[in-house]
Amino acid sequence: MLTYEDCIGLCELTEEEIRAISEHEHIPEIVAAELGAYLVRSSDGEDRIRRIILDDIRAAEARQDLKRAFELKAVLHHFMQHHPKNVLAAQN
């Protein structure tokens, strides 16, 4: 039987990146891990994850949750570093 930690390890995303997907899609984190695993391997999935995190940042800023916005900016920075083809997508 797989644990939640096993699922995180298999999906090529961090727990914070999964949490951002969960927050955005309003789904449990384990389901977000599965969605994230699918997206990371799909042709435009990494760009979609980047846009999800950006949407979460905007939502946090709109509700004036600056702490969460700052955390999500760190998540985005980490994601862009570890999924470099997103840098090209973000520039286009």
PDB file of N, CA and C in Angstrom:
ATOM      1  N   MET A   1       0.841  -1.172   0.000  1.00  0.00           N
ATOM      2  CA  MET A   1       0.000   0.000   0.000  1.00  0.00           C
ATOM      3  C   MET A   1       0.894   1.246   0.000  1.00  0.00           C
ATOM      4  N   LEU A   2       0.555   2.201  -0.836  1.00  0.00           N
ATOM      5  CA  LEU A   2       1.317   3.438  -0.917  1.00  0.00           C
ATOM      6  C   LEU A   2       0.868   4.426   0.155  1.00  0.00           C
ATOM      7  N   THR A   3       1.826   5.119   0.714  1.00  0.00           N
ATOM      8  CA  THR A   3       1.513   6.179   1.660  1.00  0.00           C
ATOM      9  C   THR A   3       1.415   7.502   0.906  1.00  0.00           C
ATOM     10  N   TYR A   4       0.936   8.525   1.572  1.00  0.00           N
ATOM     11  CA  TYR A   4       0.874   9.863   0.977  1.00  0.00           C
ATOM     12  C   TYR A   4       2.277  10.315   0.579  1.00  0.00           C
ATOM     13  N   GLU A   5       3.253  10.041   1.420  1.00  0.00           N
ATOM     14  CA  GLU A   5       4.639  10.413   1.124  1.00  0.00           C
ATOM     15  C   GLU A   5       5.150   9.689  -0.113  1.00  0.00           C
ATOM     16  N   ASP A   6       4.759   8.424  -0.298  1.00  0.00           N
ATOM     17  CA  ASP A   6       5.121   7.683  -1.513  1.00  0.00           C
ATOM     18  C   ASP A   6       4.547   8.369  -2.746  1.00  0.00           C
ATOM     19  N   CYS A   7       3.296   8.790  -2.645  1.00  0.00           N
ATOM     20  CA  CYS A   7       2.642   9.463  -3.769  1.00  0.00           C
ATOM     21  C   CYS A   7       3.345  10.770  -4.115  1.00  0.00           C
ATOM     22  N   ILE A   8       3.765  11.503  -3.111  1.00  0.00           N
ATOM     23  CA  ILE A   8       4.504  12.746  -3.352  1.00  0.00           C
ATOM     24  C   ILE A   8       5.804  12.430  -4.090  1.00  0.00           C
ATOM     25  N   GLY A   9       6.497  11.418  -3.634  1.00  0.00           N
ATOM     26  CA  GLY A   9       7.752  11.041  -4.264  1.00  0.00           C
ATOM     27  C   GLY A   9       7.598  10.607  -5.712  1.00  0.00           C
ATOM     28  N   LEU A  10       6.472  10.048  -6.052  1.00  0.00           N
ATOM     29  CA  LEU A  10       6.236   9.550  -7.402  1.00  0.00           C
ATOM     30  C   LEU A  10       5.778  10.628  -8.380  1.00  0.00           C
ATOM     31  N   CYS A  11       5.309  11.746  -7.880  1.00  0.00           N
ATOM     32  CA  CYS A  11       4.693  12.722  -8.785  1.00  0.00           C
ATOM     33  C   CYS A  11       5.627  13.846  -9.226  1.00  0.00           C
ATOM     34  N   GLU A  12       6.856  13.865  -8.777  1.00  0.00           N
ATOM     35  CA  GLU A  12       7.846  14.861  -9.197  1.00  0.00           C
ATOM     36  C   GLU A  12       7.496  16.292  -8.772  1.00  0.00           C
ATOM     37  N   LEU A  13       6.672  16.418  -7.760  1.00  0.00           N
ATOM     38  CA  LEU A  13       6.308  17.728  -7.214  1.00  0.00           C
ATOM     39  C   LEU A  13       6.563  17.729  -5.714  1.00  0.00           C
ATOM     40  N   THR A  14       6.725  18.917  -5.165  1.00  0.00           N
ATOM     41  CA  THR A  14       6.888  19.029  -3.719  1.00  0.00           C
ATOM     42  C   THR A  14       5.512  19.024  -3.047  1.00  0.00           C
ATOM     43  N   GLU A  15       5.538  18.840  -1.758  1.00  0.00           N
ATOM     44  CA  GLU A  15       4.289  18.875  -0.996  1.00  0.00           C
ATOM     45  C   GLU A  15       3.611  20.239  -1.123  1.00  0.00           C
ATOM     46  N   GLU A  16       4.396  21.311  -1.156  1.00  0.00           N
ATOM     47  CA  GLU A  16       3.826  22.657  -1.304  1.00  0.00           C
ATOM     48  C   GLU A  16       3.208  22.865  -2.690  1.00  0.00           C
ATOM     49  N   GLU A  17       3.838  22.315  -3.712  1.00  0.00           N
ATOM     50  CA  GLU A  17       3.273  22.417  -5.072  1.00  0.00           C
ATOM     51  C   GLU A  17       1.958  21.654  -5.143  1.00  0.00           C
ATOM     52  N   ILE A  18       1.918  20.505  -4.509  1.00  0.00           N
ATOM     53  CA  ILE A  18       0.684  19.718  -4.450  1.00  0.00           C
ATOM     54  C   ILE A  18      -0.386  20.477  -3.673  1.00  0.00           C
ATOM     55  N   ARG A  19       0.016  21.108  -2.577  1.00  0.00           N
ATOM     56  CA  ARG A  19      -0.937  21.890  -1.775  1.00  0.00           C
ATOM     57  C   ARG A  19      -1.522  23.031  -2.606  1.00  0.00           C
ATOM     58  N   ALA A  20      -0.701  23.659  -3.453  1.00  0.00           N
ATOM     59  CA  ALA A  20      -1.191  24.750  -4.314  1.00  0.00           C
ATOM     60  C   ALA A  20      -2.232  24.224  -5.308  1.00  0.00           C
ATOM     61  N   ILE A  21      -1.981  23.042  -5.876  1.00  0.00           N
ATOM     62  CA  ILE A  21      -2.964  22.439  -6.791  1.00  0.00           C
ATOM     63  C   ILE A  21      -4.248  22.119  -6.037  1.00  0.00           C
ATOM     64  N   SER A  22      -4.108  21.558  -4.862  1.00  0.00           N
ATOM     65  CA  SER A  22      -5.256  21.218  -4.025  1.00  0.00           C
ATOM     66  C   SER A  22      -6.095  22.449  -3.710  1.00  0.00           C
ATOM     67  N   GLU A  23      -5.420  23.528  -3.336  1.00  0.00           N
ATOM     68  CA  GLU A  23      -6.086  24.786  -2.992  1.00  0.00           C
ATOM     69  C   GLU A  23      -6.830  25.335  -4.210  1.00  0.00           C
ATOM     70  N   HIS A  24      -6.177  25.322  -5.337  1.00  0.00           N
ATOM     71  CA  HIS A  24      -6.754  25.891  -6.559  1.00  0.00           C
ATOM     72  C   HIS A  24      -7.944  25.083  -7.063  1.00  0.00           C
ATOM     73  N   GLU A  25      -7.815  23.771  -7.049  1.00  0.00           N
ATOM     74  CA  GLU A  25      -8.841  22.894  -7.608  1.00  0.00           C
ATOM     75  C   GLU A  25      -9.900  22.476  -6.585  1.00  0.00           C
ATOM     76  N   HIS A  26      -9.689  22.851  -5.317  1.00  0.00           N
ATOM     77  CA  HIS A  26     -10.626  22.493  -4.236  1.00  0.00           C
ATOM     78  C   HIS A  26     -10.804  20.978  -4.146  1.00  0.00           C
ATOM     79  N   ILE A  27      -9.659  20.291  -4.120  1.00  0.00           N
ATOM     80  CA  ILE A  27      -9.664  18.830  -4.029  1.00  0.00           C
ATOM     81  C   ILE A  27      -8.708  18.407  -2.913  1.00  0.00           C
ATOM     82  N   PRO A  28      -8.887  17.202  -2.378  1.00  0.00           N
ATOM     83  CA  PRO A  28      -7.959  16.719  -1.339  1.00  0.00           C
ATOM     84  C   PRO A  28      -6.536  16.624  -1.890  1.00  0.00           C
ATOM     85  N   GLU A  29      -5.564  16.753  -1.017  1.00  0.00           N
ATOM     86  CA  GLU A  29      -4.168  16.745  -1.435  1.00  0.00           C
ATOM     87  C   GLU A  29      -3.766  15.449  -2.122  1.00  0.00           C
ATOM     88  N   ILE A  30      -4.295  14.321  -1.710  1.00  0.00           N
ATOM     89  CA  ILE A  30      -3.936  13.059  -2.358  1.00  0.00           C
ATOM     90  C   ILE A  30      -4.423  13.051  -3.801  1.00  0.00           C
ATOM     91  N   VAL A  31      -5.575  13.626  -4.063  1.00  0.00           N
ATOM     92  CA  VAL A  31      -6.099  13.729  -5.429  1.00  0.00           C
ATOM     93  C   VAL A  31      -5.259  14.739  -6.213  1.00  0.00           C
ATOM     94  N   ALA A  32      -4.850  15.821  -5.553  1.00  0.00           N
ATOM     95  CA  ALA A  32      -3.988  16.812  -6.192  1.00  0.00           C
ATOM     96  C   ALA A  32      -2.640  16.205  -6.564  1.00  0.00           C
ATOM     97  N   ALA A  33      -2.139  15.282  -5.762  1.00  0.00           N
ATOM     98  CA  ALA A  33      -0.881  14.605  -6.085  1.00  0.00           C
ATOM     99  C   ALA A  33      -1.047  13.785  -7.357  1.00  0.00           C
ATOM    100  N   GLU A  34      -2.162  13.110  -7.488  1.00  0.00           N
ATOM    101  CA  GLU A  34      -2.419  12.328  -8.699  1.00  0.00           C
ATOM    102  C   GLU A  34      -2.565  13.244  -9.914  1.00  0.00           C
ATOM    103  N   LEU A  35      -3.319  14.328  -9.754  1.00  0.00           N
ATOM    104  CA  LEU A  35      -3.469  15.297 -10.841  1.00  0.00           C
ATOM    105  C   LEU A  35      -2.118  15.890 -11.211  1.00  0.00           C
ATOM    106  N   GLY A  36      -1.331  16.257 -10.220  1.00  0.00           N
ATOM    107  CA  GLY A  36      -0.006  16.811 -10.464  1.00  0.00           C
ATOM    108  C   GLY A  36       0.900  15.840 -11.202  1.00  0.00           C
ATOM    109  N   ALA A  37       0.847  14.570 -10.838  1.00  0.00           N
ATOM    110  CA  ALA A  37       1.651  13.550 -11.514  1.00  0.00           C
ATOM    111  C   ALA A  37       1.273  13.460 -12.986  1.00  0.00           C
ATOM    112  N   TYR A  38      -0.018  13.521 -13.248  1.00  0.00           N
ATOM    113  CA  TYR A  38      -0.489  13.503 -14.642  1.00  0.00           C
ATOM    114  C   TYR A  38      -0.018  14.761 -15.375  1.00  0.00           C
ATOM    115  N   LEU A  39      -0.201  15.923 -14.758  1.00  0.00           N
ATOM    116  CA  LEU A  39       0.140  17.180 -15.421  1.00  0.00           C
ATOM    117  C   LEU A  39       1.632  17.285 -15.721  1.00  0.00           C
ATOM    118  N   VAL A  40       2.475  16.878 -14.781  1.00  0.00           N
ATOM    119  CA  VAL A  40       3.917  16.970 -14.976  1.00  0.00           C
ATOM    120  C   VAL A  40       4.344  16.180 -16.216  1.00  0.00           C
ATOM    121  N   ARG A  41       3.640  15.121 -16.515  1.00  0.00           N
ATOM    122  CA  ARG A  41       4.010  14.257 -17.641  1.00  0.00           C
ATOM    123  C   ARG A  41       3.288  14.608 -18.941  1.00  0.00           C
ATOM    124  N   SER A  42       2.333  15.521 -18.897  1.00  0.00           N
ATOM    125  CA  SER A  42       1.609  15.897 -20.116  1.00  0.00           C
ATOM    126  C   SER A  42       2.303  17.063 -20.815  1.00  0.00           C
ATOM    127  N   SER A  43       1.990  17.258 -22.069  1.00  0.00           N
ATOM    128  CA  SER A  43       2.718  18.243 -22.876  1.00  0.00           C
ATOM    129  C   SER A  43       2.580  19.676 -22.368  1.00  0.00           C
ATOM    130  N   ASP A  44       1.421  20.068 -21.913  1.00  0.00           N
ATOM    131  CA  ASP A  44       1.246  21.438 -21.415  1.00  0.00           C
ATOM    132  C   ASP A  44       0.964  21.487 -19.917  1.00  0.00           C
ATOM    133  N   GLY A  45       1.167  20.365 -19.248  1.00  0.00           N
ATOM    134  CA  GLY A  45       0.821  20.268 -17.828  1.00  0.00           C
ATOM    135  C   GLY A  45       1.656  21.133 -16.912  1.00  0.00           C
ATOM    136  N   GLU A  46       2.963  21.232 -17.194  1.00  0.00           N
ATOM    137  CA  GLU A  46       3.803  22.057 -16.331  1.00  0.00           C
ATOM    138  C   GLU A  46       3.405  23.525 -16.441  1.00  0.00           C
ATOM    139  N   ASP A  47       3.029  23.960 -17.637  1.00  0.00           N
ATOM    140  CA  ASP A  47       2.542  25.334 -17.792  1.00  0.00           C
ATOM    141  C   ASP A  47       1.239  25.521 -17.025  1.00  0.00           C
ATOM    142  N   ARG A  48       0.396  24.510 -17.041  1.00  0.00           N
ATOM    143  CA  ARG A  48      -0.865  24.598 -16.289  1.00  0.00           C
ATOM    144  C   ARG A  48      -0.597  24.703 -14.783  1.00  0.00           C
ATOM    145  N   ILE A  49       0.364  23.929 -14.284  1.00  0.00           N
ATOM    146  CA  ILE A  49       0.715  24.007 -12.864  1.00  0.00           C
ATOM    147  C   ILE A  49       1.238  25.408 -12.538  1.00  0.00           C
ATOM    148  N   ARG A  50       2.081  25.963 -13.408  1.00  0.00           N
ATOM    149  CA  ARG A  50       2.604  27.318 -13.199  1.00  0.00           C
ATOM    150  C   ARG A  50       1.439  28.315 -13.114  1.00  0.00           C
ATOM    151  N   ARG A  51       0.473  28.189 -14.015  1.00  0.00           N
ATOM    152  CA  ARG A  51      -0.678  29.099 -14.001  1.00  0.00           C
ATOM    153  C   ARG A  51      -1.545  28.891 -12.750  1.00  0.00           C
ATOM    154  N   ILE A  52      -1.648  27.654 -12.275  1.00  0.00           N
ATOM    155  CA  ILE A  52      -2.395  27.370 -11.044  1.00  0.00           C
ATOM    156  C   ILE A  52      -1.753  28.109  -9.873  1.00  0.00           C
ATOM    157  N   ILE A  53      -0.434  28.008  -9.772  1.00  0.00           N
ATOM    158  CA  ILE A  53       0.266  28.669  -8.670  1.00  0.00           C
ATOM    159  C   ILE A  53       0.105  30.186  -8.787  1.00  0.00           C
ATOM    160  N   LEU A  54       0.208  30.722 -10.000  1.00  0.00           N
ATOM    161  CA  LEU A  54       0.003  32.168 -10.201  1.00  0.00           C
ATOM    162  C   LEU A  54      -1.415  32.581  -9.793  1.00  0.00           C
ATOM    163  N   ASP A  55      -2.413  31.782 -10.154  1.00  0.00           N
ATOM    164  CA  ASP A  55      -3.798  32.067  -9.741  1.00  0.00           C
ATOM    165  C   ASP A  55      -3.929  32.068  -8.223  1.00  0.00           C
ATOM    166  N   ASP A  56      -3.273  31.106  -7.568  1.00  0.00           N
ATOM    167  CA  ASP A  56      -3.313  31.039  -6.102  1.00  0.00           C
ATOM    168  C   ASP A  56      -2.672  32.278  -5.480  1.00  0.00           C
ATOM    169  N   ILE A  57      -1.575  32.751  -6.085  1.00  0.00           N
ATOM    170  CA  ILE A  57      -0.917  33.971  -5.583  1.00  0.00           C
ATOM    171  C   ILE A  57      -1.876  35.148  -5.698  1.00  0.00           C
ATOM    172  N   ARG A  58      -2.502  35.297  -6.850  1.00  0.00           N
ATOM    173  CA  ARG A  58      -3.449  36.407  -7.051  1.00  0.00           C
ATOM    174  C   ARG A  58      -4.610  36.331  -6.066  1.00  0.00           C
ATOM    175  N   ALA A  59      -5.110  35.120  -5.836  1.00  0.00           N
ATOM    176  CA  ALA A  59      -6.228  34.955  -4.893  1.00  0.00           C
ATOM    177  C   ALA A  59      -5.805  35.327  -3.474  1.00  0.00           C
ATOM    178  N   ALA A  60      -4.605  34.915  -3.079  1.00  0.00           N
ATOM    179  CA  ALA A  60      -4.109  35.264  -1.741  1.00  0.00           C
ATOM    180  C   ALA A  60      -3.934  36.772  -1.613  1.00  0.00           C
ATOM    181  N   GLU A  61      -3.410  37.398  -2.652  1.00  0.00           N
ATOM    182  CA  GLU A  61      -3.239  38.858  -2.614  1.00  0.00           C
ATOM    183  C   GLU A  61      -4.586  39.571  -2.579  1.00  0.00           C
ATOM    184  N   ALA A  62      -5.564  39.051  -3.310  1.00  0.00           N
ATOM    185  CA  ALA A  62      -6.895  39.668  -3.336  1.00  0.00           C
ATOM    186  C   ALA A  62      -7.565  39.628  -1.967  1.00  0.00           C
ATOM    187  N   ARG A  63      -7.300  38.575  -1.223  1.00  0.00           N
ATOM    188  CA  ARG A  63      -7.895  38.493   0.122  1.00  0.00           C
ATOM    189  C   ARG A  63      -6.946  39.042   1.189  1.00  0.00           C
ATOM    190  N   GLN A  64      -5.869  39.665   0.708  1.00  0.00           N
ATOM    191  CA  GLN A  64      -4.865  40.322   1.547  1.00  0.00           C
ATOM    192  C   GLN A  64      -4.176  39.354   2.506  1.00  0.00           C
ATOM    193  N   ASP A  65      -4.018  38.134   2.059  1.00  0.00           N
ATOM    194  CA  ASP A  65      -3.277  37.126   2.821  1.00  0.00           C
ATOM    195  C   ASP A  65      -1.838  37.149   2.309  1.00  0.00           C
ATOM    196  N   LEU A  66      -1.100  38.155   2.749  1.00  0.00           N
ATOM    197  CA  LEU A  66       0.245  38.378   2.233  1.00  0.00           C
ATOM    198  C   LEU A  66       1.210  37.259   2.617  1.00  0.00           C
ATOM    199  N   LYS A  67       0.995  36.660   3.760  1.00  0.00           N
ATOM    200  CA  LYS A  67       1.838  35.531   4.177  1.00  0.00           C
ATOM    201  C   LYS A  67       1.701  34.377   3.185  1.00  0.00           C
ATOM    202  N   ARG A  68       0.465  34.034   2.846  1.00  0.00           N
ATOM    203  CA  ARG A  68       0.239  32.931   1.900  1.00  0.00           C
ATOM    204  C   ARG A  68       0.758  33.313   0.511  1.00  0.00           C
ATOM    205  N   ALA A  69       0.568  34.551   0.096  1.00  0.00           N
ATOM    206  CA  ALA A  69       1.077  34.998  -1.201  1.00  0.00           C
ATOM    207  C   ALA A  69       2.593  34.850  -1.258  1.00  0.00           C
ATOM    208  N   PHE A  70       3.272  35.231  -0.179  1.00  0.00           N
ATOM    209  CA  PHE A  70       4.729  35.097  -0.114  1.00  0.00           C
ATOM    210  C   PHE A  70       5.137  33.631  -0.197  1.00  0.00           C
ATOM    211  N   GLU A  71       4.440  32.763   0.544  1.00  0.00           N
ATOM    212  CA  GLU A  71       4.732  31.330   0.506  1.00  0.00           C
ATOM    213  C   GLU A  71       4.563  30.780  -0.912  1.00  0.00           C
ATOM    214  N   LEU A  72       3.488  31.188  -1.559  1.00  0.00           N
ATOM    215  CA  LEU A  72       3.219  30.700  -2.908  1.00  0.00           C
ATOM    216  C   LEU A  72       4.235  31.224  -3.920  1.00  0.00           C
ATOM    217  N   LYS A  73       4.740  32.423  -3.706  1.00  0.00           N
ATOM    218  CA  LYS A  73       5.793  32.941  -4.588  1.00  0.00           C
ATOM    219  C   LYS A  73       7.046  32.093  -4.452  1.00  0.00           C
ATOM    220  N   ALA A  74       7.342  31.638  -3.260  1.00  0.00           N
ATOM    221  CA  ALA A  74       8.480  30.737  -3.053  1.00  0.00           C
ATOM    222  C   ALA A  74       8.218  29.391  -3.738  1.00  0.00           C
ATOM    223  N   VAL A  75       6.986  28.911  -3.667  1.00  0.00           N
ATOM    224  CA  VAL A  75       6.608  27.669  -4.338  1.00  0.00           C
ATOM    225  C   VAL A  75       6.794  27.820  -5.849  1.00  0.00           C
ATOM    226  N   LEU A  76       6.337  28.946  -6.384  1.00  0.00           N
ATOM    227  CA  LEU A  76       6.484  29.201  -7.823  1.00  0.00           C
ATOM    228  C   LEU A  76       7.955  29.253  -8.223  1.00  0.00           C
ATOM    229  N   HIS A  77       8.759  29.941  -7.431  1.00  0.00           N
ATOM    230  CA  HIS A  77      10.192  30.039  -7.711  1.00  0.00           C
ATOM    231  C   HIS A  77      10.819  28.645  -7.752  1.00  0.00           C
ATOM    232  N   HIS A  78      10.521  27.822  -6.774  1.00  0.00           N
ATOM    233  CA  HIS A  78      11.059  26.462  -6.715  1.00  0.00           C
ATOM    234  C   HIS A  78      10.581  25.653  -7.924  1.00  0.00           C
ATOM    235  N   PHE A  79       9.300  25.767  -8.235  1.00  0.00           N
ATOM    236  CA  PHE A  79       8.740  25.020  -9.364  1.00  0.00           C
ATOM    237  C   PHE A  79       9.440  25.410 -10.666  1.00  0.00           C
ATOM    238  N   MET A  80       9.646  26.703 -10.872  1.00  0.00           N
ATOM    239  CA  MET A  80      10.287  27.174 -12.103  1.00  0.00           C
ATOM    240  C   MET A  80      11.737  26.692 -12.179  1.00  0.00           C
ATOM    241  N   GLN A  81      12.413  26.606 -11.051  1.00  0.00           N
ATOM    242  CA  GLN A  81      13.788  26.109 -11.038  1.00  0.00           C
ATOM    243  C   GLN A  81      13.867  24.625 -11.398  1.00  0.00           C
ATOM    244  N   HIS A  82      12.897  23.853 -10.936  1.00  0.00           N
ATOM    245  CA  HIS A  82      12.947  22.406 -11.117  1.00  0.00           C
ATOM    246  C   HIS A  82      12.189  21.920 -12.351  1.00  0.00           C
ATOM    247  N   HIS A  83      11.492  22.812 -12.994  1.00  0.00           N
ATOM    248  CA  HIS A  83      10.777  22.496 -14.230  1.00  0.00           C
ATOM    249  C   HIS A  83      11.100  23.604 -15.230  1.00  0.00           C
ATOM    250  N   PRO A  84      12.366  23.628 -15.711  1.00  0.00           N
ATOM    251  CA  PRO A  84      12.870  24.764 -16.482  1.00  0.00           C
ATOM    252  C   PRO A  84      12.170  25.024 -17.806  1.00  0.00           C
ATOM    253  N   LYS A  85      11.489  24.043 -18.375  1.00  0.00           N
ATOM    254  CA  LYS A  85      10.799  24.353 -19.639  1.00  0.00           C
ATOM    255  C   LYS A  85       9.674  25.356 -19.411  1.00  0.00           C
ATOM    256  N   ASN A  86       9.264  25.534 -18.147  1.00  0.00           N
ATOM    257  CA  ASN A  86       8.277  26.557 -17.809  1.00  0.00           C
ATOM    258  C   ASN A  86       8.816  27.957 -17.994  1.00  0.00           C
ATOM    259  N   VAL A  87      10.093  28.133 -17.829  1.00  0.00           N
ATOM    260  CA  VAL A  87      10.684  29.458 -18.005  1.00  0.00           C
ATOM    261  C   VAL A  87      10.445  29.908 -19.439  1.00  0.00           C
ATOM    262  N   LEU A  88      10.639  29.012 -20.395  1.00  0.00           N
ATOM    263  CA  LEU A  88      10.390  29.348 -21.791  1.00  0.00           C
ATOM    264  C   LEU A  88       8.919  29.634 -22.032  1.00  0.00           C
ATOM    265  N   ALA A  89       8.029  28.838 -21.448  1.00  0.00           N
ATOM    266  CA  ALA A  89       6.593  29.042 -21.631  1.00  0.00           C
ATOM    267  C   ALA A  89       6.156  30.374 -21.029  1.00  0.00           C
ATOM    268  N   ALA A  90       6.730  30.747 -19.908  1.00  0.00           N
ATOM    269  CA  ALA A  90       6.354  31.995 -19.240  1.00  0.00           C
ATOM    270  C   ALA A  90       6.813  33.208 -20.032  1.00  0.00           C
ATOM    271  N   GLN A  91       7.886  33.062 -20.803  1.00  0.00           N
ATOM    272  CA  GLN A  91       8.421  34.182 -21.558  1.00  0.00           C
ATOM    273  C   GLN A  91       7.656  34.390 -22.864  1.00  0.00           C
ATOM    274  N   ASN A  92       6.930  33.390 -23.325  1.00  0.00           N
ATOM    275  CA  ASN A  92       6.202  33.501 -24.603  1.00  0.00           C
ATOM    276  C   ASN A  92       4.848  34.137 -24.428  1.00  0.00           C
TER     277      ASN A  92
END
